[in-house]
């Protein structure tokens, strides 16, 4: 089954205060372009099913990042890409994005994570979408570093746009 996720406008900021964003991504590129042509780096999956800029973008009523660019089409059978932002060693990092999933597997696949860029394979705050038992429905899951999601019990609809916010608190120690 083809698993496609569309997400638009990534917004990274640290702390809950009015600090400058670490990264804003509106996907203001030509539809069909590779994300790797616009500052994103492939970190797994090579060039199989590359992530492309997709038109149209996503909209969510009242969200500041809504309808400001295109989106990224993500297929779980291929490339994973990352975009770097300034290293963070303390505080809390928040990320908000719009997502519209058209399908998923029962086991779920992740489409968002933080990754320490120093050769690590530690995927923090992995965010998954898994098919729910009811047709046309899905769950959202989240893990600290595991490849298996802990799904929420909230059932959401495929082909509907949702605003998601990921909060990651940086703590001292080896388990950060």
N, C-alpha and C. Protein backbone atom coordinates (compact mmCIF):
# COMPACT_ATOMS: atom_id res chain seq x y z
N UNK A 1 0.85 -1.17 0.00
CA UNK A 1 0.00 0.00 0.00
C UNK A 1 0.89 1.23 0.00
N UNK A 2 0.57 2.16 -0.84
CA UNK A 2 1.32 3.42 -0.88
C UNK A 2 0.93 4.27 0.31
N UNK A 3 1.92 4.74 1.01
CA UNK A 3 1.69 5.54 2.22
C UNK A 3 2.20 6.93 1.97
N UNK A 4 1.30 7.86 1.79
CA UNK A 4 1.70 9.22 1.48
C UNK A 4 1.27 10.15 2.60
N UNK A 5 2.19 11.01 3.00
CA UNK A 5 1.90 12.02 3.99
C UNK A 5 2.28 13.35 3.39
N UNK A 6 1.48 14.31 3.60
CA UNK A 6 1.80 15.65 3.15
C UNK A 6 1.91 16.53 4.36
N UNK A 7 3.00 17.26 4.46
CA UNK A 7 3.11 18.20 5.56
C UNK A 7 3.65 19.51 5.02
N UNK A 8 3.17 20.57 5.60
CA UNK A 8 3.56 21.89 5.12
C UNK A 8 3.89 22.77 6.31
N UNK A 9 4.83 23.67 6.08
CA UNK A 9 5.21 24.68 7.04
C UNK A 9 5.72 24.06 8.34
N UNK A 10 6.98 23.76 8.36
CA UNK A 10 7.62 23.32 9.59
C UNK A 10 8.10 24.56 10.33
N UNK A 11 7.84 24.60 11.58
CA UNK A 11 8.18 25.77 12.38
C UNK A 11 8.86 25.29 13.65
N UNK A 12 10.14 25.56 13.78
CA UNK A 12 10.89 25.13 14.94
C UNK A 12 11.24 26.36 15.77
N UNK A 13 11.01 26.28 17.04
CA UNK A 13 11.43 27.35 17.93
C UNK A 13 11.84 26.74 19.26
N UNK A 14 12.69 27.42 19.98
CA UNK A 14 13.02 26.88 21.29
C UNK A 14 12.41 27.78 22.34
N UNK A 15 12.01 27.16 23.42
CA UNK A 15 11.34 27.80 24.54
C UNK A 15 9.93 28.23 24.12
N UNK A 16 9.14 28.58 25.06
CA UNK A 16 7.76 28.96 24.79
C UNK A 16 7.61 30.47 24.68
N UNK A 17 8.73 31.15 24.65
CA UNK A 17 8.69 32.60 24.63
C UNK A 17 8.91 33.12 23.21
N UNK A 18 8.83 34.40 23.04
CA UNK A 18 8.92 35.00 21.72
C UNK A 18 10.36 35.07 21.25
N UNK A 19 10.97 33.93 21.07
CA UNK A 19 12.32 33.87 20.55
C UNK A 19 12.26 33.62 19.05
N UNK A 20 13.34 33.91 18.38
CA UNK A 20 13.39 33.71 16.94
C UNK A 20 13.28 32.23 16.60
N UNK A 21 12.53 31.88 15.59
CA UNK A 21 12.42 30.48 15.17
C UNK A 21 13.78 29.92 14.75
N UNK A 22 13.99 28.65 15.01
CA UNK A 22 15.21 27.97 14.58
C UNK A 22 15.15 27.63 13.10
N UNK A 23 13.94 27.37 12.61
CA UNK A 23 13.76 26.99 11.21
C UNK A 23 12.32 27.23 10.81
N UNK A 24 12.13 27.81 9.66
CA UNK A 24 10.80 27.92 9.05
C UNK A 24 10.92 27.34 7.65
N UNK A 25 10.04 26.41 7.32
CA UNK A 25 10.05 25.80 5.99
C UNK A 25 8.64 25.87 5.42
N UNK A 26 8.47 26.70 4.39
CA UNK A 26 7.17 26.86 3.74
C UNK A 26 7.07 26.08 2.44
N UNK A 27 8.14 25.41 2.02
CA UNK A 27 8.17 24.68 0.75
C UNK A 27 7.81 25.59 -0.42
N UNK A 28 8.38 26.78 -0.42
CA UNK A 28 8.16 27.74 -1.51
C UNK A 28 9.13 27.45 -2.66
N UNK A 29 8.94 26.32 -3.28
CA UNK A 29 9.76 25.87 -4.39
C UNK A 29 8.82 25.45 -5.52
N UNK A 30 9.38 25.03 -6.60
CA UNK A 30 8.58 24.56 -7.73
C UNK A 30 8.05 23.16 -7.44
N UNK A 31 6.76 22.95 -7.66
CA UNK A 31 6.18 21.62 -7.47
C UNK A 31 6.94 20.62 -8.33
N UNK A 32 7.25 19.48 -7.73
CA UNK A 32 8.01 18.43 -8.42
C UNK A 32 9.50 18.46 -8.10
N UNK A 33 9.99 19.56 -7.53
CA UNK A 33 11.40 19.64 -7.14
C UNK A 33 11.70 18.63 -6.03
N UNK A 34 12.94 18.17 -5.99
CA UNK A 34 13.41 17.34 -4.90
C UNK A 34 13.70 18.23 -3.69
N UNK A 35 13.34 17.78 -2.50
CA UNK A 35 13.68 18.57 -1.31
C UNK A 35 15.19 18.67 -1.17
N UNK A 36 15.91 17.64 -1.61
CA UNK A 36 17.37 17.68 -1.51
C UNK A 36 17.98 18.75 -2.40
N UNK A 37 17.21 19.35 -3.29
CA UNK A 37 17.70 20.48 -4.08
C UNK A 37 17.51 21.82 -3.35
N UNK A 38 16.94 21.75 -2.14
CA UNK A 38 16.61 22.97 -1.41
C UNK A 38 17.04 22.91 0.05
N UNK A 39 18.23 22.41 0.29
CA UNK A 39 18.80 22.45 1.63
C UNK A 39 18.48 21.27 2.53
N UNK A 40 17.73 20.30 2.03
CA UNK A 40 17.46 19.08 2.79
C UNK A 40 18.51 18.04 2.41
N UNK A 41 18.88 17.17 3.36
CA UNK A 41 19.90 16.15 3.13
C UNK A 41 19.30 14.77 3.36
N UNK A 42 19.56 13.86 2.42
CA UNK A 42 19.11 12.49 2.58
C UNK A 42 19.97 11.81 3.65
N UNK A 43 19.31 11.16 4.62
CA UNK A 43 20.10 10.44 5.64
C UNK A 43 19.81 8.95 5.63
N UNK A 44 18.84 8.49 4.86
CA UNK A 44 18.63 7.07 4.63
C UNK A 44 17.67 6.91 3.46
N UNK A 45 17.67 5.74 2.90
CA UNK A 45 16.78 5.47 1.77
C UNK A 45 17.34 5.88 0.43
N UNK A 46 18.55 6.48 0.42
CA UNK A 46 19.18 6.84 -0.84
C UNK A 46 18.33 7.74 -1.70
N UNK A 47 18.13 7.32 -2.93
CA UNK A 47 17.33 8.11 -3.86
C UNK A 47 16.02 7.41 -4.23
N UNK A 48 15.70 6.31 -3.55
CA UNK A 48 14.46 5.59 -3.81
C UNK A 48 13.28 6.41 -3.30
N UNK A 49 12.29 6.60 -4.14
CA UNK A 49 11.11 7.40 -3.79
C UNK A 49 11.50 8.70 -3.09
N UNK A 50 12.21 9.57 -3.78
CA UNK A 50 12.64 10.83 -3.15
C UNK A 50 11.44 11.68 -2.74
N UNK A 51 11.66 12.53 -1.77
CA UNK A 51 10.60 13.41 -1.28
C UNK A 51 10.55 14.64 -2.18
N UNK A 52 9.36 14.88 -2.72
CA UNK A 52 9.16 15.95 -3.69
C UNK A 52 8.30 17.06 -3.12
N UNK A 53 8.52 18.25 -3.63
CA UNK A 53 7.62 19.37 -3.35
C UNK A 53 6.31 19.07 -4.06
N UNK A 54 5.21 19.21 -3.32
CA UNK A 54 3.90 18.80 -3.83
C UNK A 54 2.94 19.98 -3.78
N UNK A 55 2.14 20.10 -4.81
CA UNK A 55 1.12 21.14 -4.88
C UNK A 55 -0.25 20.46 -4.80
N UNK A 56 -1.18 21.00 -4.07
CA UNK A 56 -1.14 22.29 -3.38
C UNK A 56 -0.53 22.14 -1.99
N UNK A 57 -0.38 23.28 -1.33
CA UNK A 57 0.01 23.28 0.07
C UNK A 57 -1.20 22.91 0.92
N UNK A 58 -1.00 22.89 2.22
CA UNK A 58 -2.09 22.54 3.13
C UNK A 58 -2.63 23.79 3.80
N UNK A 59 -3.89 23.74 4.17
CA UNK A 59 -4.51 24.87 4.85
C UNK A 59 -5.18 24.38 6.14
N UNK A 60 -5.15 25.24 7.14
CA UNK A 60 -5.79 24.96 8.41
C UNK A 60 -6.27 26.30 8.95
N UNK A 61 -7.57 26.45 9.10
CA UNK A 61 -8.17 27.72 9.47
C UNK A 61 -7.56 28.28 10.76
N UNK A 62 -7.06 29.52 10.69
CA UNK A 62 -6.52 30.21 11.84
C UNK A 62 -5.05 29.96 12.11
N UNK A 63 -4.43 29.06 11.37
CA UNK A 63 -3.01 28.75 11.60
C UNK A 63 -2.15 29.68 10.76
N UNK A 64 -1.18 30.32 11.40
CA UNK A 64 -0.36 31.34 10.74
C UNK A 64 0.42 30.77 9.55
N UNK A 65 0.79 29.53 9.58
CA UNK A 65 1.57 28.93 8.49
C UNK A 65 0.71 28.32 7.40
N UNK A 66 -0.58 28.50 7.49
CA UNK A 66 -1.50 27.90 6.53
C UNK A 66 -1.45 28.61 5.19
N UNK A 67 -1.47 27.82 4.12
CA UNK A 67 -1.59 28.35 2.76
C UNK A 67 -0.46 29.33 2.42
N UNK A 68 0.76 29.03 2.88
CA UNK A 68 1.89 29.92 2.61
C UNK A 68 2.88 29.34 1.61
N UNK A 69 2.68 28.15 1.18
CA UNK A 69 3.59 27.51 0.23
C UNK A 69 3.00 26.19 -0.18
N UNK A 70 3.86 25.30 -0.65
CA UNK A 70 3.41 23.97 -1.05
C UNK A 70 3.57 23.01 0.12
N UNK A 71 3.73 21.75 -0.18
CA UNK A 71 3.89 20.72 0.85
C UNK A 71 4.96 19.74 0.38
N UNK A 72 5.23 18.74 1.20
CA UNK A 72 6.19 17.70 0.85
C UNK A 72 5.46 16.38 0.83
N UNK A 73 5.60 15.65 -0.27
CA UNK A 73 4.96 14.33 -0.40
C UNK A 73 5.91 13.26 0.12
N UNK A 74 5.52 12.57 1.16
CA UNK A 74 6.39 11.58 1.80
C UNK A 74 5.81 10.19 1.59
N UNK A 75 6.63 9.29 1.07
CA UNK A 75 6.22 7.90 0.85
C UNK A 75 7.09 7.03 1.75
N UNK A 76 6.49 6.17 2.54
CA UNK A 76 7.26 5.44 3.54
C UNK A 76 8.18 4.38 2.97
N UNK A 77 8.24 4.22 1.68
CA UNK A 77 9.09 3.17 1.11
C UNK A 77 10.36 3.72 0.51
N UNK A 78 10.79 4.86 0.95
CA UNK A 78 11.97 5.43 0.33
C UNK A 78 12.78 6.33 1.22
N UNK A 79 13.13 7.43 0.66
CA UNK A 79 14.09 8.37 1.21
C UNK A 79 13.61 9.03 2.51
N UNK A 80 14.55 9.21 3.43
CA UNK A 80 14.36 10.05 4.62
C UNK A 80 15.27 11.26 4.46
N UNK A 81 14.75 12.44 4.74
CA UNK A 81 15.56 13.65 4.63
C UNK A 81 15.51 14.45 5.92
N UNK A 82 16.54 15.25 6.14
CA UNK A 82 16.60 16.13 7.30
C UNK A 82 16.99 17.52 6.85
N UNK A 83 16.62 18.50 7.64
CA UNK A 83 17.07 19.86 7.42
C UNK A 83 17.62 20.38 8.73
N UNK A 84 18.83 20.85 8.71
CA UNK A 84 19.52 21.25 9.93
C UNK A 84 19.06 22.62 10.42
N UNK A 85 19.15 22.77 11.72
CA UNK A 85 18.98 24.06 12.37
C UNK A 85 20.01 24.12 13.48
N UNK A 86 20.20 25.28 14.07
CA UNK A 86 21.23 25.46 15.09
C UNK A 86 21.13 24.46 16.23
N UNK A 87 22.27 23.95 16.67
CA UNK A 87 22.32 22.96 17.74
C UNK A 87 21.68 23.52 19.00
N UNK A 88 20.92 22.69 19.68
CA UNK A 88 20.26 23.07 20.92
C UNK A 88 20.76 22.14 22.02
N UNK A 89 21.13 22.69 23.17
CA UNK A 89 21.64 21.85 24.26
C UNK A 89 20.86 22.03 25.55
N UNK A 90 19.96 23.00 25.61
CA UNK A 90 19.13 23.21 26.79
C UNK A 90 17.76 23.70 26.35
N UNK A 91 16.81 23.60 27.25
CA UNK A 91 15.49 24.15 27.00
C UNK A 91 14.55 23.18 26.31
N UNK A 92 13.58 23.73 25.66
CA UNK A 92 12.53 22.95 24.99
C UNK A 92 12.42 23.41 23.55
N UNK A 93 12.30 22.47 22.65
CA UNK A 93 12.12 22.76 21.23
C UNK A 93 10.69 22.35 20.85
N UNK A 94 9.99 23.27 20.21
CA UNK A 94 8.64 23.00 19.73
C UNK A 94 8.67 23.00 18.21
N UNK A 95 7.92 22.11 17.62
CA UNK A 95 7.75 22.07 16.18
C UNK A 95 6.27 21.99 15.88
N UNK A 96 5.82 22.81 14.97
CA UNK A 96 4.43 22.71 14.53
C UNK A 96 4.42 22.49 13.03
N UNK A 97 3.45 21.71 12.58
CA UNK A 97 3.33 21.44 11.15
C UNK A 97 1.92 20.96 10.85
N UNK A 98 1.56 21.09 9.60
CA UNK A 98 0.29 20.57 9.12
C UNK A 98 0.57 19.22 8.47
N UNK A 99 -0.35 18.30 8.66
CA UNK A 99 -0.20 16.97 8.06
C UNK A 99 -1.55 16.51 7.51
N UNK A 100 -1.46 15.87 6.37
CA UNK A 100 -2.64 15.26 5.75
C UNK A 100 -2.19 13.91 5.21
N UNK A 101 -2.62 12.86 5.85
CA UNK A 101 -2.23 11.50 5.46
C UNK A 101 -3.31 10.89 4.60
N UNK A 102 -2.89 10.20 3.54
CA UNK A 102 -3.87 9.56 2.67
C UNK A 102 -3.96 8.06 2.93
N UNK A 103 -2.93 7.47 3.54
CA UNK A 103 -2.94 6.04 3.82
C UNK A 103 -1.79 5.70 4.75
N UNK A 104 -1.86 4.52 5.35
CA UNK A 104 -0.77 4.03 6.18
C UNK A 104 -0.94 2.54 6.37
N UNK A 105 0.08 1.91 6.91
CA UNK A 105 0.01 0.50 7.26
C UNK A 105 -0.46 0.39 8.71
N UNK A 106 -0.89 -0.79 9.10
CA UNK A 106 -1.32 -1.01 10.48
C UNK A 106 -0.17 -0.79 11.44
N UNK A 107 1.04 -1.21 11.05
CA UNK A 107 2.21 -1.07 11.91
C UNK A 107 2.64 0.38 12.05
N UNK A 108 2.34 1.17 11.08
CA UNK A 108 2.69 2.58 11.14
C UNK A 108 4.08 2.88 10.64
N UNK A 109 4.24 4.09 10.17
CA UNK A 109 5.53 4.56 9.67
C UNK A 109 5.73 5.99 10.17
N UNK A 110 6.97 6.32 10.45
CA UNK A 110 7.22 7.67 10.95
C UNK A 110 7.46 8.61 9.78
N UNK A 111 7.11 9.87 9.99
CA UNK A 111 7.28 10.88 8.95
C UNK A 111 7.96 12.12 9.48
N UNK A 112 8.22 12.18 10.78
CA UNK A 112 8.88 13.33 11.38
C UNK A 112 9.73 12.83 12.54
N UNK A 113 10.91 13.47 12.72
CA UNK A 113 11.74 13.21 13.89
C UNK A 113 12.84 14.26 13.98
N UNK A 114 13.43 14.36 15.16
CA UNK A 114 14.66 15.12 15.34
C UNK A 114 15.80 14.11 15.26
N UNK A 115 16.93 14.53 14.72
CA UNK A 115 18.08 13.64 14.61
C UNK A 115 19.34 14.44 14.88
N UNK A 116 20.13 13.96 15.82
CA UNK A 116 21.43 14.59 16.07
C UNK A 116 22.30 14.31 14.86
N UNK A 117 22.87 15.34 14.28
CA UNK A 117 23.55 15.19 12.99
C UNK A 117 24.97 14.67 13.07
N UNK A 118 25.46 14.31 14.24
CA UNK A 118 26.84 13.84 14.35
C UNK A 118 26.94 12.34 14.12
N UNK A 119 26.31 11.84 13.07
CA UNK A 119 26.40 10.43 12.74
C UNK A 119 25.52 9.54 13.59
N UNK A 120 24.68 10.11 14.39
CA UNK A 120 23.81 9.36 15.28
C UNK A 120 22.64 8.76 14.52
N UNK A 121 22.12 7.67 15.04
CA UNK A 121 20.87 7.13 14.50
C UNK A 121 19.76 7.28 15.54
N UNK A 122 19.98 8.16 16.49
CA UNK A 122 19.00 8.40 17.55
C UNK A 122 17.90 9.32 17.03
N UNK A 123 16.78 8.74 16.69
CA UNK A 123 15.62 9.49 16.21
C UNK A 123 14.78 9.90 17.41
N UNK A 124 14.76 11.17 17.72
CA UNK A 124 14.01 11.66 18.86
C UNK A 124 12.66 12.20 18.39
N UNK A 125 11.66 11.99 19.23
CA UNK A 125 10.30 12.48 18.96
C UNK A 125 9.76 11.97 17.63
N UNK A 126 10.05 10.71 17.32
CA UNK A 126 9.50 10.13 16.07
C UNK A 126 7.98 10.22 16.12
N UNK A 127 7.42 10.70 15.04
CA UNK A 127 5.98 10.85 14.94
C UNK A 127 5.49 9.94 13.82
N UNK A 128 4.51 9.09 14.15
CA UNK A 128 4.02 8.05 13.25
C UNK A 128 2.56 8.27 12.90
N UNK A 129 2.17 7.65 11.81
CA UNK A 129 0.75 7.50 11.50
C UNK A 129 0.53 6.02 11.24
N UNK A 130 -0.49 5.46 11.90
CA UNK A 130 -0.84 4.05 11.76
C UNK A 130 -2.30 3.94 11.37
N UNK A 131 -2.61 2.98 10.52
CA UNK A 131 -4.00 2.74 10.15
C UNK A 131 -4.78 2.23 11.35
N UNK A 132 -5.95 2.77 11.56
CA UNK A 132 -6.85 2.31 12.62
C UNK A 132 -7.69 1.16 12.07
N UNK A 133 -8.31 0.38 12.94
CA UNK A 133 -9.13 -0.74 12.45
C UNK A 133 -10.28 -0.32 11.54
N UNK A 134 -10.83 0.87 11.77
CA UNK A 134 -11.93 1.35 10.94
C UNK A 134 -11.40 1.92 9.63
N UNK A 135 -12.04 1.58 8.52
CA UNK A 135 -11.62 2.05 7.20
C UNK A 135 -11.60 3.58 7.17
N UNK A 136 -10.56 4.14 6.58
CA UNK A 136 -10.45 5.59 6.44
C UNK A 136 -10.02 6.31 7.71
N UNK A 137 -9.58 5.56 8.71
CA UNK A 137 -9.22 6.15 10.00
C UNK A 137 -7.76 5.86 10.33
N UNK A 138 -7.18 6.69 11.20
CA UNK A 138 -5.78 6.52 11.57
C UNK A 138 -5.55 6.92 13.02
N UNK A 139 -4.41 6.49 13.52
CA UNK A 139 -3.90 6.91 14.83
C UNK A 139 -2.61 7.68 14.59
N UNK A 140 -2.27 8.57 15.50
CA UNK A 140 -0.96 9.22 15.52
C UNK A 140 -0.20 8.62 16.68
N UNK A 141 1.07 8.28 16.45
CA UNK A 141 1.91 7.71 17.49
C UNK A 141 3.16 8.54 17.68
N UNK A 142 3.80 8.37 18.83
CA UNK A 142 5.00 9.13 19.16
C UNK A 142 5.92 8.23 19.97
N UNK A 143 7.23 8.33 19.70
CA UNK A 143 8.21 7.60 20.49
C UNK A 143 9.38 8.50 20.80
N UNK A 144 10.12 8.13 21.82
CA UNK A 144 11.35 8.86 22.16
C UNK A 144 12.46 8.47 21.20
N UNK A 145 12.70 7.17 21.02
CA UNK A 145 13.76 6.70 20.13
C UNK A 145 13.45 5.33 19.53
N UNK A 146 12.32 4.78 19.81
CA UNK A 146 11.98 3.45 19.36
C UNK A 146 11.43 3.47 17.94
N UNK A 147 11.55 2.34 17.26
CA UNK A 147 10.97 2.21 15.92
C UNK A 147 9.50 1.81 16.00
N UNK A 148 9.00 1.56 17.20
CA UNK A 148 7.61 1.17 17.38
C UNK A 148 6.86 2.30 18.09
N UNK A 149 5.78 2.73 17.50
CA UNK A 149 5.03 3.87 18.04
C UNK A 149 4.11 3.46 19.17
N UNK A 150 3.94 4.36 20.10
CA UNK A 150 2.89 4.25 21.12
C UNK A 150 1.74 5.11 20.60
N UNK A 151 0.74 4.47 20.03
CA UNK A 151 -0.36 5.19 19.40
C UNK A 151 -1.28 5.85 20.41
N UNK A 152 -1.77 7.01 20.03
CA UNK A 152 -2.82 7.63 20.82
C UNK A 152 -4.08 6.80 20.63
N UNK A 153 -5.05 7.02 21.45
CA UNK A 153 -6.32 6.32 21.29
C UNK A 153 -7.34 7.18 20.54
N UNK A 154 -6.90 8.36 20.13
CA UNK A 154 -7.77 9.25 19.37
C UNK A 154 -7.77 8.82 17.91
N UNK A 155 -8.94 8.56 17.38
CA UNK A 155 -9.07 8.15 15.99
C UNK A 155 -9.24 9.40 15.12
N UNK A 156 -8.40 9.52 14.10
CA UNK A 156 -8.45 10.65 13.18
C UNK A 156 -8.80 10.15 11.78
N UNK A 157 -9.17 11.07 10.91
CA UNK A 157 -9.56 10.72 9.55
C UNK A 157 -8.40 10.89 8.57
N UNK A 158 -8.24 9.92 7.68
CA UNK A 158 -7.35 10.12 6.54
C UNK A 158 -7.93 11.24 5.68
N UNK A 159 -7.08 11.87 4.90
CA UNK A 159 -7.47 12.92 3.95
C UNK A 159 -8.09 14.14 4.62
N UNK A 160 -7.74 14.38 5.87
CA UNK A 160 -8.13 15.59 6.58
C UNK A 160 -6.86 16.23 7.11
N UNK A 161 -6.78 17.55 7.05
CA UNK A 161 -5.59 18.26 7.52
C UNK A 161 -5.67 18.50 9.02
N UNK A 162 -4.55 18.19 9.69
CA UNK A 162 -4.44 18.39 11.13
C UNK A 162 -3.22 19.25 11.44
N UNK A 163 -3.33 20.05 12.48
CA UNK A 163 -2.21 20.80 13.02
C UNK A 163 -1.59 19.96 14.12
N UNK A 164 -0.30 19.69 14.00
CA UNK A 164 0.40 18.90 15.02
C UNK A 164 1.49 19.76 15.64
N UNK A 165 1.69 19.58 16.93
CA UNK A 165 2.75 20.27 17.66
C UNK A 165 3.54 19.21 18.42
N UNK A 166 4.85 19.21 18.22
CA UNK A 166 5.74 18.29 18.93
C UNK A 166 6.57 19.13 19.89
N UNK A 167 6.61 18.69 21.13
CA UNK A 167 7.41 19.35 22.16
C UNK A 167 8.50 18.38 22.58
N UNK A 168 9.75 18.87 22.55
CA UNK A 168 10.88 18.05 22.97
C UNK A 168 11.68 18.82 23.99
N UNK A 169 11.72 18.29 25.22
CA UNK A 169 12.47 18.93 26.30
C UNK A 169 13.86 18.32 26.38
N UNK A 170 14.86 19.15 26.35
CA UNK A 170 16.24 18.71 26.44
C UNK A 170 16.63 18.62 27.90
N UNK A 171 17.05 17.44 28.32
CA UNK A 171 17.44 17.22 29.71
C UNK A 171 18.89 16.76 29.75
N UNK A 172 19.56 16.98 30.87
CA UNK A 172 20.93 16.52 31.03
C UNK A 172 20.98 15.00 31.11
N UNK A 173 22.09 14.43 30.64
CA UNK A 173 22.28 12.99 30.78
C UNK A 173 22.34 12.27 29.46
N UNK A 174 22.66 11.00 29.54
CA UNK A 174 22.85 10.19 28.33
C UNK A 174 21.56 9.82 27.64
N UNK A 175 20.43 9.89 28.32
CA UNK A 175 19.17 9.55 27.70
C UNK A 175 18.51 10.71 27.00
N UNK A 176 19.19 11.84 26.89
CA UNK A 176 18.59 12.98 26.20
C UNK A 176 18.51 12.67 24.72
